Amino acid sequence: MLPPRCGVCHLEPAQSPSDGARSDFVLVYFADAVNPPPGWVGHPVGAVWFCPEHAALGAEREHLASHIALRDIDAVLGRLPRRLSEGYR
């Protein structure tokens, strides 16, 4: 699993004003999330970390595929939408 890093602002716990509290970050499983097979190692497809400031934006879009949710969040924030091929970074 990838360590927490906000899918919106790229904030990491060590940069967080809450003294790096990893527990403040939320892992949102979107509609395209896949349950990995037993023994699988890595970050789940369709799961995106969010910092406390952006967690609600992600949670409100759990019913969408992750790439669509992230593009929608970009639009809501007035940012240029990320390319579909860019994915979660």
PDB file of N, CA and C in Angstrom:
ATOM      1  N   MET A   1       0.838  -1.172   0.000  1.00  0.00           N
ATOM      2  CA  MET A   1       0.000   0.000   0.000  1.00  0.00           C
ATOM      3  C   MET A   1       0.883   1.235   0.000  1.00  0.00           C
ATOM      4  N   LEU A   2       0.471   2.208  -0.810  1.00  0.00           N
ATOM      5  CA  LEU A   2       1.186   3.482  -0.842  1.00  0.00           C
ATOM      6  C   LEU A   2       0.992   4.223   0.476  1.00  0.00           C
ATOM      7  N   PRO A   3       2.011   4.933   0.936  1.00  0.00           N
ATOM      8  CA  PRO A   3       1.820   5.750   2.141  1.00  0.00           C
ATOM      9  C   PRO A   3       0.864   6.898   1.833  1.00  0.00           C
ATOM     10  N   PRO A   4       0.252   7.479   2.849  1.00  0.00           N
ATOM     11  CA  PRO A   4      -0.694   8.581   2.620  1.00  0.00           C
ATOM     12  C   PRO A   4      -0.052   9.747   1.874  1.00  0.00           C
ATOM     13  N   ARG A   5      -0.746  10.179   0.844  1.00  0.00           N
ATOM     14  CA  ARG A   5      -0.382  11.370   0.065  1.00  0.00           C
ATOM     15  C   ARG A   5      -1.668  11.808  -0.630  1.00  0.00           C
ATOM     16  N   CYS A   6      -2.119  12.981  -0.331  1.00  0.00           N
ATOM     17  CA  CYS A   6      -3.411  13.454  -0.824  1.00  0.00           C
ATOM     18  C   CYS A   6      -3.469  13.435  -2.352  1.00  0.00           C
ATOM     19  N   GLY A   7      -4.525  12.812  -2.881  1.00  0.00           N
ATOM     20  CA  GLY A   7      -4.729  12.744  -4.314  1.00  0.00           C
ATOM     21  C   GLY A   7      -5.101  14.081  -4.926  1.00  0.00           C
ATOM     22  N   VAL A   8      -5.379  15.080  -4.100  1.00  0.00           N
ATOM     23  CA  VAL A   8      -5.749  16.411  -4.588  1.00  0.00           C
ATOM     24  C   VAL A   8      -4.563  17.366  -4.499  1.00  0.00           C
ATOM     25  N   CYS A   9      -4.006  17.536  -3.313  1.00  0.00           N
ATOM     26  CA  CYS A   9      -2.955  18.545  -3.105  1.00  0.00           C
ATOM     27  C   CYS A   9      -1.563  17.941  -2.907  1.00  0.00           C
ATOM     28  N   HIS A  10      -1.477  16.612  -2.844  1.00  0.00           N
ATOM     29  CA  HIS A  10      -0.221  15.880  -2.689  1.00  0.00           C
ATOM     30  C   HIS A  10       0.445  16.075  -1.322  1.00  0.00           C
ATOM     31  N   LEU A  11      -0.318  16.582  -0.358  1.00  0.00           N
ATOM     32  CA  LEU A  11       0.180  16.736   1.006  1.00  0.00           C
ATOM     33  C   LEU A  11       0.464  15.362   1.600  1.00  0.00           C
ATOM     34  N   GLU A  12       1.559  15.254   2.337  1.00  0.00           N
ATOM     35  CA  GLU A  12       1.913  14.026   3.046  1.00  0.00           C
ATOM     36  C   GLU A  12       1.840  14.288   4.543  1.00  0.00           C
ATOM     37  N   PRO A  13       1.678  13.244   5.368  1.00  0.00           N
ATOM     38  CA  PRO A  13       1.550  13.458   6.815  1.00  0.00           C
ATOM     39  C   PRO A  13       2.674  14.290   7.416  1.00  0.00           C
ATOM     40  N   ALA A  14       3.902  14.123   6.957  1.00  0.00           N
ATOM     41  CA  ALA A  14       5.024  14.876   7.517  1.00  0.00           C
ATOM     42  C   ALA A  14       4.909  16.368   7.232  1.00  0.00           C
ATOM     43  N   GLN A  15       4.139  16.737   6.214  1.00  0.00           N
ATOM     44  CA  GLN A  15       3.955  18.140   5.852  1.00  0.00           C
ATOM     45  C   GLN A  15       2.691  18.718   6.475  1.00  0.00           C
ATOM     46  N   SER A  16       1.912  17.872   7.098  1.00  0.00           N
ATOM     47  CA  SER A  16       0.605  18.253   7.607  1.00  0.00           C
ATOM     48  C   SER A  16       0.708  19.157   8.836  1.00  0.00           C
ATOM     49  N   PRO A  17      -0.179  20.144   8.935  1.00  0.00           N
ATOM     50  CA  PRO A  17      -0.184  21.005  10.119  1.00  0.00           C
ATOM     51  C   PRO A  17      -0.586  20.249  11.389  1.00  0.00           C
ATOM     52  N   SER A  18      -1.116  19.036  11.239  1.00  0.00           N
ATOM     53  CA  SER A  18      -1.516  18.243  12.416  1.00  0.00           C
ATOM     54  C   SER A  18      -0.364  17.369  12.908  1.00  0.00           C
ATOM     55  N   ASP A  19       0.856  17.857  12.757  1.00  0.00           N
ATOM     56  CA  ASP A  19       2.054  17.169  13.248  1.00  0.00           C
ATOM     57  C   ASP A  19       2.249  15.794  12.633  1.00  0.00           C
ATOM     58  N   GLY A  20       1.883  15.644  11.380  1.00  0.00           N
ATOM     59  CA  GLY A  20       2.142  14.397  10.684  1.00  0.00           C
ATOM     60  C   GLY A  20       1.285  13.243  11.120  1.00  0.00           C
ATOM     61  N   ALA A  21       0.086  13.502  11.581  1.00  0.00           N
ATOM     62  CA  ALA A  21      -0.796  12.426  12.034  1.00  0.00           C
ATOM     63  C   ALA A  21      -1.341  11.663  10.836  1.00  0.00           C
ATOM     64  N   ARG A  22      -0.782  10.506  10.599  1.00  0.00           N
ATOM     65  CA  ARG A  22      -1.208   9.651   9.497  1.00  0.00           C
ATOM     66  C   ARG A  22      -2.691   9.310   9.624  1.00  0.00           C
ATOM     67  N   SER A  23      -3.187   9.223  10.845  1.00  0.00           N
ATOM     68  CA  SER A  23      -4.584   8.843  11.080  1.00  0.00           C
ATOM     69  C   SER A  23      -5.560   9.910  10.577  1.00  0.00           C
ATOM     70  N   ASP A  24      -5.073  11.125  10.319  1.00  0.00           N
ATOM     71  CA  ASP A  24      -5.936  12.184   9.799  1.00  0.00           C
ATOM     72  C   ASP A  24      -6.220  12.008   8.312  1.00  0.00           C
ATOM     73  N   PHE A  25      -5.433  11.190   7.635  1.00  0.00           N
ATOM     74  CA  PHE A  25      -5.621  10.950   6.209  1.00  0.00           C
ATOM     75  C   PHE A  25      -6.638   9.834   6.013  1.00  0.00           C
ATOM     76  N   VAL A  26      -7.432   9.962   4.937  1.00  0.00           N
ATOM     77  CA  VAL A  26      -8.519   9.019   4.683  1.00  0.00           C
ATOM     78  C   VAL A  26      -8.266   8.312   3.355  1.00  0.00           C
ATOM     79  N   LEU A  27      -8.396   6.990   3.358  1.00  0.00           N
ATOM     80  CA  LEU A  27      -8.277   6.205   2.136  1.00  0.00           C
ATOM     81  C   LEU A  27      -9.689   5.949   1.620  1.00  0.00           C
ATOM     82  N   VAL A  28     -10.009   6.537   0.468  1.00  0.00           N
ATOM     83  CA  VAL A  28     -11.347   6.397  -0.115  1.00  0.00           C
ATOM     84  C   VAL A  28     -11.292   5.318  -1.194  1.00  0.00           C
ATOM     85  N   TYR A  29     -12.215   4.366  -1.092  1.00  0.00           N
ATOM     86  CA  TYR A  29     -12.349   3.306  -2.092  1.00  0.00           C
ATOM     87  C   TYR A  29     -13.469   3.712  -3.041  1.00  0.00           C
ATOM     88  N   PHE A  30     -13.120   3.983  -4.292  1.00  0.00           N
ATOM     89  CA  PHE A  30     -14.092   4.409  -5.281  1.00  0.00           C
ATOM     90  C   PHE A  30     -14.758   3.211  -5.952  1.00  0.00           C
ATOM     91  N   ALA A  31     -15.700   3.499  -6.851  1.00  0.00           N
ATOM     92  CA  ALA A  31     -16.494   2.449  -7.489  1.00  0.00           C
ATOM     93  C   ALA A  31     -15.639   1.463  -8.279  1.00  0.00           C
ATOM     94  N   ASP A  32     -14.484   1.884  -8.744  1.00  0.00           N
ATOM     95  CA  ASP A  32     -13.621   0.988  -9.515  1.00  0.00           C
ATOM     96  C   ASP A  32     -12.614   0.235  -8.642  1.00  0.00           C
ATOM     97  N   ALA A  33     -12.769   0.330  -7.334  1.00  0.00           N
ATOM     98  CA  ALA A  33     -11.859  -0.374  -6.425  1.00  0.00           C
ATOM     99  C   ALA A  33     -11.988  -1.882  -6.626  1.00  0.00           C
ATOM    100  N   VAL A  34     -10.852  -2.541  -6.573  1.00  0.00           N
ATOM    101  CA  VAL A  34     -10.796  -3.984  -6.770  1.00  0.00           C
ATOM    102  C   VAL A  34     -10.260  -4.629  -5.505  1.00  0.00           C
ATOM    103  N   ASN A  35     -10.928  -5.661  -5.059  1.00  0.00           N
ATOM    104  CA  ASN A  35     -10.435  -6.422  -3.916  1.00  0.00           C
ATOM    105  C   ASN A  35      -9.249  -7.258  -4.373  1.00  0.00           C
ATOM    106  N   PRO A  36      -8.064  -6.987  -3.878  1.00  0.00           N
ATOM    107  CA  PRO A  36      -6.904  -7.751  -4.338  1.00  0.00           C
ATOM    108  C   PRO A  36      -6.975  -9.211  -3.878  1.00  0.00           C
ATOM    109  N   PRO A  37      -6.399 -10.104  -4.656  1.00  0.00           N
ATOM    110  CA  PRO A  37      -6.395 -11.511  -4.271  1.00  0.00           C
ATOM    111  C   PRO A  37      -5.518 -11.733  -3.039  1.00  0.00           C
ATOM    112  N   PRO A  38      -5.737 -12.826  -2.313  1.00  0.00           N
ATOM    113  CA  PRO A  38      -4.913 -13.120  -1.129  1.00  0.00           C
ATOM    114  C   PRO A  38      -3.424 -13.144  -1.492  1.00  0.00           C
ATOM    115  N   GLY A  39      -2.627 -12.539  -0.631  1.00  0.00           N
ATOM    116  CA  GLY A  39      -1.185 -12.516  -0.826  1.00  0.00           C
ATOM    117  C   GLY A  39      -0.695 -11.397  -1.735  1.00  0.00           C
ATOM    118  N   TRP A  40      -1.622 -10.640  -2.305  1.00  0.00           N
ATOM    119  CA  TRP A  40      -1.248  -9.554  -3.205  1.00  0.00           C
ATOM    120  C   TRP A  40      -0.628  -8.422  -2.390  1.00  0.00           C
ATOM    121  N   VAL A  41       0.419  -7.816  -2.922  1.00  0.00           N
ATOM    122  CA  VAL A  41       1.085  -6.708  -2.247  1.00  0.00           C
ATOM    123  C   VAL A  41       1.033  -5.487  -3.161  1.00  0.00           C
ATOM    124  N   GLY A  42       0.678  -4.349  -2.607  1.00  0.00           N
ATOM    125  CA  GLY A  42       0.631  -3.121  -3.384  1.00  0.00           C
ATOM    126  C   GLY A  42      -0.556  -2.282  -2.980  1.00  0.00           C
ATOM    127  N   HIS A  43      -0.733  -1.190  -3.691  1.00  0.00           N
ATOM    128  CA  HIS A  43      -1.837  -0.276  -3.401  1.00  0.00           C
ATOM    129  C   HIS A  43      -3.065  -0.733  -4.171  1.00  0.00           C
ATOM    130  N   PRO A  44      -4.226  -0.784  -3.524  1.00  0.00           N
ATOM    131  CA  PRO A  44      -5.436  -1.228  -4.215  1.00  0.00           C
ATOM    132  C   PRO A  44      -5.829  -0.289  -5.353  1.00  0.00           C
ATOM    133  N   VAL A  45      -6.187  -0.870  -6.473  1.00  0.00           N
ATOM    134  CA  VAL A  45      -6.695  -0.100  -7.601  1.00  0.00           C
ATOM    135  C   VAL A  45      -7.993   0.577  -7.165  1.00  0.00           C
ATOM    136  N   GLY A  46      -8.180   1.825  -7.531  1.00  0.00           N
ATOM    137  CA  GLY A  46      -9.405   2.544  -7.207  1.00  0.00           C
ATOM    138  C   GLY A  46      -9.466   3.100  -5.803  1.00  0.00           C
ATOM    139  N   ALA A  47      -8.361   3.049  -5.070  1.00  0.00           N
ATOM    140  CA  ALA A  47      -8.300   3.611  -3.717  1.00  0.00           C
ATOM    141  C   ALA A  47      -7.346   4.803  -3.738  1.00  0.00           C
ATOM    142  N   VAL A  48      -7.780   5.923  -3.162  1.00  0.00           N
ATOM    143  CA  VAL A  48      -6.998   7.162  -3.196  1.00  0.00           C
ATOM    144  C   VAL A  48      -6.963   7.769  -1.795  1.00  0.00           C
ATOM    145  N   TRP A  49      -5.777   8.197  -1.382  1.00  0.00           N
ATOM    146  CA  TRP A  49      -5.618   8.886  -0.103  1.00  0.00           C
ATOM    147  C   TRP A  49      -6.061  10.334  -0.232  1.00  0.00           C
ATOM    148  N   PHE A  50      -6.639  10.873   0.855  1.00  0.00           N
ATOM    149  CA  PHE A  50      -7.010  12.285   0.931  1.00  0.00           C
ATOM    150  C   PHE A  50      -6.590  12.845   2.283  1.00  0.00           C
ATOM    151  N   CYS A  51      -6.092  14.090   2.260  1.00  0.00           N
ATOM    152  CA  CYS A  51      -5.760  14.793   3.499  1.00  0.00           C
ATOM    153  C   CYS A  51      -7.066  15.223   4.170  1.00  0.00           C
ATOM    154  N   PRO A  52      -6.998  15.664   5.427  1.00  0.00           N
ATOM    155  CA  PRO A  52      -8.219  16.080   6.128  1.00  0.00           C
ATOM    156  C   PRO A  52      -9.002  17.170   5.392  1.00  0.00           C
ATOM    157  N   GLU A  53      -8.305  18.087   4.737  1.00  0.00           N
ATOM    158  CA  GLU A  53      -8.973  19.183   4.043  1.00  0.00           C
ATOM    159  C   GLU A  53      -9.775  18.703   2.830  1.00  0.00           C
ATOM    160  N   HIS A  54      -9.316  17.637   2.170  1.00  0.00           N
ATOM    161  CA  HIS A  54      -9.955  17.181   0.937  1.00  0.00           C
ATOM    162  C   HIS A  54     -10.706  15.853   1.080  1.00  0.00           C
ATOM    163  N   ALA A  55     -10.730  15.288   2.274  1.00  0.00           N
ATOM    164  CA  ALA A  55     -11.383  13.990   2.487  1.00  0.00           C
ATOM    165  C   ALA A  55     -12.861  14.000   2.104  1.00  0.00           C
ATOM    166  N   ALA A  56     -13.560  15.071   2.433  1.00  0.00           N
ATOM    167  CA  ALA A  56     -14.991  15.134   2.114  1.00  0.00           C
ATOM    168  C   ALA A  56     -15.215  15.144   0.606  1.00  0.00           C
ATOM    169  N   LEU A  57     -14.338  15.812  -0.142  1.00  0.00           N
ATOM    170  CA  LEU A  57     -14.462  15.828  -1.599  1.00  0.00           C
ATOM    171  C   LEU A  57     -14.368  14.415  -2.167  1.00  0.00           C
ATOM    172  N   GLY A  58     -13.482  13.617  -1.609  1.00  0.00           N
ATOM    173  CA  GLY A  58     -13.361  12.233  -2.067  1.00  0.00           C
ATOM    174  C   GLY A  58     -14.531  11.382  -1.629  1.00  0.00           C
ATOM    175  N   ALA A  59     -14.909  11.488  -0.364  1.00  0.00           N
ATOM    176  CA  ALA A  59     -15.991  10.658   0.179  1.00  0.00           C
ATOM    177  C   ALA A  59     -17.315  10.919  -0.543  1.00  0.00           C
ATOM    178  N   GLU A  60     -17.554  12.163  -0.950  1.00  0.00           N
ATOM    179  CA  GLU A  60     -18.793  12.511  -1.652  1.00  0.00           C
ATOM    180  C   GLU A  60     -18.868  11.875  -3.038  1.00  0.00           C
ATOM    181  N   ARG A  61     -17.742  11.371  -3.530  1.00  0.00           N
ATOM    182  CA  ARG A  61     -17.680  10.830  -4.887  1.00  0.00           C
ATOM    183  C   ARG A  61     -17.330   9.338  -4.915  1.00  0.00           C
ATOM    184  N   GLU A  62     -17.522   8.662  -3.804  1.00  0.00           N
ATOM    185  CA  GLU A  62     -17.200   7.223  -3.730  1.00  0.00           C
ATOM    186  C   GLU A  62     -17.919   6.403  -4.795  1.00  0.00           C
ATOM    187  N   HIS A  63     -19.067   6.873  -5.238  1.00  0.00           N
ATOM    188  CA  HIS A  63     -19.871   6.140  -6.219  1.00  0.00           C
ATOM    189  C   HIS A  63     -19.302   6.238  -7.636  1.00  0.00           C
ATOM    190  N   LEU A  64     -18.301   7.097  -7.837  1.00  0.00           N
ATOM    191  CA  LEU A  64     -17.678   7.275  -9.153  1.00  0.00           C
ATOM    192  C   LEU A  64     -16.402   6.452  -9.255  1.00  0.00           C
ATOM    193  N   ALA A  65     -15.950   6.203 -10.472  1.00  0.00           N
ATOM    194  CA  ALA A  65     -14.624   5.611 -10.675  1.00  0.00           C
ATOM    195  C   ALA A  65     -13.582   6.632 -10.212  1.00  0.00           C
ATOM    196  N   SER A  66     -12.447   6.168  -9.748  1.00  0.00           N
ATOM    197  CA  SER A  66     -11.439   7.061  -9.171  1.00  0.00           C
ATOM    198  C   SER A  66     -10.992   8.144 -10.141  1.00  0.00           C
ATOM    199  N   HIS A  67     -10.722   7.820 -11.398  1.00  0.00           N
ATOM    200  CA  HIS A  67     -10.237   8.836 -12.335  1.00  0.00           C
ATOM    201  C   HIS A  67     -11.318   9.881 -12.626  1.00  0.00           C
ATOM    202  N   ILE A  68     -12.577   9.476 -12.638  1.00  0.00           N
ATOM    203  CA  ILE A  68     -13.663  10.427 -12.854  1.00  0.00           C
ATOM    204  C   ILE A  68     -13.834  11.316 -11.624  1.00  0.00           C
ATOM    205  N   ALA A  69     -13.745  10.720 -10.451  1.00  0.00           N
ATOM    206  CA  ALA A  69     -13.866  11.491  -9.207  1.00  0.00           C
ATOM    207  C   ALA A  69     -12.764  12.540  -9.110  1.00  0.00           C
ATOM    208  N   LEU A  70     -11.529  12.168  -9.428  1.00  0.00           N
ATOM    209  CA  LEU A  70     -10.419  13.121  -9.341  1.00  0.00           C
ATOM    210  C   LEU A  70     -10.570  14.243 -10.367  1.00  0.00           C
ATOM    211  N   ARG A  71     -11.063  13.924 -11.556  1.00  0.00           N
ATOM    212  CA  ARG A  71     -11.315  14.972 -12.563  1.00  0.00           C
ATOM    213  C   ARG A  71     -12.428  15.901 -12.094  1.00  0.00           C
ATOM    214  N   ASP A  72     -13.455  15.331 -11.475  1.00  0.00           N
ATOM    215  CA  ASP A  72     -14.561  16.142 -10.965  1.00  0.00           C
ATOM    216  C   ASP A  72     -14.083  17.073  -9.846  1.00  0.00           C
ATOM    217  N   ILE A  73     -13.244  16.556  -8.970  1.00  0.00           N
ATOM    218  CA  ILE A  73     -12.689  17.372  -7.887  1.00  0.00           C
ATOM    219  C   ILE A  73     -11.866  18.516  -8.469  1.00  0.00           C
ATOM    220  N   ASP A  74     -11.066  18.225  -9.492  1.00  0.00           N
ATOM    221  CA  ASP A  74     -10.297  19.289 -10.148  1.00  0.00           C
ATOM    222  C   ASP A  74     -11.236  20.377 -10.666  1.00  0.00           C
ATOM    223  N   ALA A  75     -12.339  19.976 -11.291  1.00  0.00           N
ATOM    224  CA  ALA A  75     -13.298  20.940 -11.841  1.00  0.00           C
ATOM    225  C   ALA A  75     -13.928  21.779 -10.733  1.00  0.00           C
ATOM    226  N   VAL A  76     -14.279  21.138  -9.629  1.00  0.00           N
ATOM    227  CA  VAL A  76     -14.882  21.851  -8.503  1.00  0.00           C
ATOM    228  C   VAL A  76     -13.902  22.871  -7.921  1.00  0.00           C
ATOM    229  N   LEU A  77     -12.631  22.522  -7.891  1.00  0.00           N
ATOM    230  CA  LEU A  77     -11.612  23.419  -7.341  1.00  0.00           C
ATOM    231  C   LEU A  77     -11.132  24.462  -8.349  1.00  0.00           C
ATOM    232  N   GLY A  78     -11.660  24.389  -9.580  1.00  0.00           N
ATOM    233  CA  GLY A  78     -11.277  25.362 -10.594  1.00  0.00           C
ATOM    234  C   GLY A  78      -9.918  25.114 -11.206  1.00  0.00           C
ATOM    235  N   ARG A  79      -9.467  23.878 -11.147  1.00  0.00           N
ATOM    236  CA  ARG A  79      -8.168  23.522 -11.730  1.00  0.00           C
ATOM    237  C   ARG A  79      -8.380  22.857 -13.078  1.00  0.00           C
ATOM    238  N   LEU A  80      -7.365  22.894 -13.911  1.00  0.00           N
ATOM    239  CA  LEU A  80      -7.449  22.158 -15.164  1.00  0.00           C
ATOM    240  C   LEU A  80      -7.558  20.674 -14.832  1.00  0.00           C
ATOM    241  N   PRO A  81      -8.462  19.961 -15.508  1.00  0.00           N
ATOM    242  CA  PRO A  81      -8.609  18.539 -15.193  1.00  0.00           C
ATOM    243  C   PRO A  81      -7.373  17.748 -15.595  1.00  0.00           C
ATOM    244  N   ARG A  82      -7.047  16.767 -14.783  1.00  0.00           N
ATOM    245  CA  ARG A  82      -5.906  15.907 -15.095  1.00  0.00           C
ATOM    246  C   ARG A  82      -6.266  15.018 -16.282  1.00  0.00           C
ATOM    247  N   ARG A  83      -5.270  14.598 -17.004  1.00  0.00           N
ATOM    248  CA  ARG A  83      -5.500  13.700 -18.135  1.00  0.00           C
ATOM    249  C   ARG A  83      -5.943  12.345 -17.611  1.00  0.00           C
ATOM    250  N   LEU A  84      -6.790  11.679 -18.359  1.00  0.00           N
ATOM    251  CA  LEU A  84      -7.273  10.357 -17.944  1.00  0.00           C
ATOM    252  C   LEU A  84      -6.120   9.376 -17.804  1.00  0.00           C
ATOM    253  N   SER A  85      -5.111   9.485 -18.660  1.00  0.00           N
ATOM    254  CA  SER A  85      -4.000   8.546 -18.591  1.00  0.00           C
ATOM    255  C   SER A  85      -3.073   8.833 -17.414  1.00  0.00           C
ATOM    256  N   GLU A  86      -3.214  10.009 -16.813  1.00  0.00           N
ATOM    257  CA  GLU A  86      -2.329  10.395 -15.716  1.00  0.00           C
ATOM    258  C   GLU A  86      -2.602   9.554 -14.468  1.00  0.00           C
ATOM    259  N   GLY A  87      -3.878   9.260 -14.211  1.00  0.00           N
ATOM    260  CA  GLY A  87      -4.225   8.439 -13.060  1.00  0.00           C
ATOM    261  C   GLY A  87      -3.903   9.087 -11.733  1.00  0.00           C
ATOM    262  N   TYR A  88      -3.838   8.270 -10.700  1.00  0.00           N
ATOM    263  CA  TYR A  88      -3.562   8.744  -9.347  1.00  0.00           C
ATOM    264  C   TYR A  88      -2.078   8.820  -9.125  1.00  0.00           C
ATOM    265  N   ARG A  89      -1.594   9.962  -8.650  1.00  0.00           N
ATOM    266  CA  ARG A  89      -0.166  10.122  -8.351  1.00  0.00           C
ATOM    267  C   ARG A  89      -0.017  10.758  -7.019  1.00  0.00           C
TER     268      ARG A  89
END
